[in-house]
Amino acid sequence: MLVKIWTNSFIITGDIDTLRDERLTDYIRENKDFIAVTQVRVTDRDEKDLFRTHFLNVSTNHIEIILPAE
């Protein structure tokens, strides 16, 4: 599932591996400390590109907003 994650400093866009028909809310609750994001694009809050990487662990403590990206 392609998601967009807002933290206090960054916007992270990338893929997370969810089970078929799994809700995003359930996925976040299940992965309590970190979520693995692949094919990642990280921008600042003004959406200026900072970097891209194949893998990034994101601390769930720092997530302000997460939603499926379109």
Protein backbone atom coordinates (compact mmCIF):
# COMPACT_ATOMS: atom_id res chain seq x y z
CA MET A 1 0.00 0.00 0.00
CA LEU A 2 1.34 3.41 -0.96
CA VAL A 3 1.15 5.78 2.03
CA LYS A 4 1.96 9.36 2.91
CA ILE A 5 3.27 10.02 6.43
CA TRP A 6 3.61 13.39 8.12
CA THR A 7 6.01 13.87 11.04
CA ASN A 8 6.85 17.14 12.77
CA SER A 9 9.67 17.73 10.23
CA PHE A 10 9.11 15.52 7.20
CA ILE A 11 6.64 14.10 4.71
CA ILE A 12 7.46 10.49 3.88
CA THR A 13 5.90 8.78 0.88
CA GLY A 14 6.43 5.08 0.20
CA ASP A 15 5.10 1.56 0.29
CA ILE A 16 4.22 -0.55 3.30
CA ASP A 17 3.45 -4.26 3.14
CA THR A 18 -0.03 -4.89 4.44
CA LEU A 19 -1.98 -8.10 4.29
CA ARG A 20 -4.69 -8.34 1.69
CA ASP A 21 -7.75 -6.37 2.85
CA GLU A 22 -5.90 -5.21 6.01
CA ARG A 23 -6.89 -1.76 7.22
CA LEU A 24 -4.14 0.84 7.64
CA THR A 25 -5.26 1.45 11.22
CA ASP A 26 -4.84 -2.23 12.08
CA TYR A 27 -1.41 -2.31 10.45
CA ILE A 28 -0.18 0.67 12.53
CA ARG A 29 -1.55 -0.78 15.77
CA GLU A 30 0.12 -4.14 15.07
CA ASN A 31 3.54 -2.56 14.35
CA LYS A 32 3.87 -0.66 17.60
CA ASP A 33 7.37 0.87 17.53
CA PHE A 34 8.43 1.12 13.87
CA ILE A 35 6.95 0.59 10.43
CA ALA A 36 9.05 -0.43 7.47
CA VAL A 37 8.60 1.77 4.40
CA THR A 38 10.12 0.92 1.01
CA GLN A 39 10.66 2.95 -2.18
CA VAL A 40 10.77 6.05 0.00
CA ARG A 41 10.71 9.74 -0.88
CA VAL A 42 11.39 12.15 2.00
CA THR A 43 10.56 15.84 1.71
CA ASP A 44 10.41 18.72 4.14
CA ARG A 45 6.99 20.05 5.18
CA ASP A 46 7.03 22.38 2.14
CA GLU A 47 7.46 19.25 -0.05
CA LYS A 48 11.03 20.10 -1.11
CA ASP A 49 12.87 16.84 -1.93
CA LEU A 50 15.45 15.87 0.68
CA PHE A 51 16.33 12.29 -0.29
CA ARG A 52 15.10 8.97 -1.63
CA THR A 53 15.96 5.50 -0.36
CA HIS A 54 14.87 1.91 -0.86
CA PHE A 55 14.13 1.35 2.85
CA LEU A 56 13.35 3.44 5.92
CA ASN A 57 12.13 2.48 9.40
CA VAL A 58 9.72 5.11 10.72
CA SER A 59 9.08 5.44 14.44
CA THR A 60 5.36 5.34 15.12
CA ASN A 61 5.97 7.81 17.98
CA HIS A 62 6.80 10.48 15.40
CA ILE A 63 3.85 9.94 13.06
CA GLU A 64 1.36 12.81 13.15
CA ILE A 65 -0.72 11.78 10.12
CA ILE A 66 -0.68 8.70 7.90
CA LEU A 67 -3.01 8.02 5.00
CA PRO A 68 -3.13 6.05 1.77
CA ALA A 69 -1.45 8.08 -0.99
CA GLU A 70 -3.18 8.56 -4.31
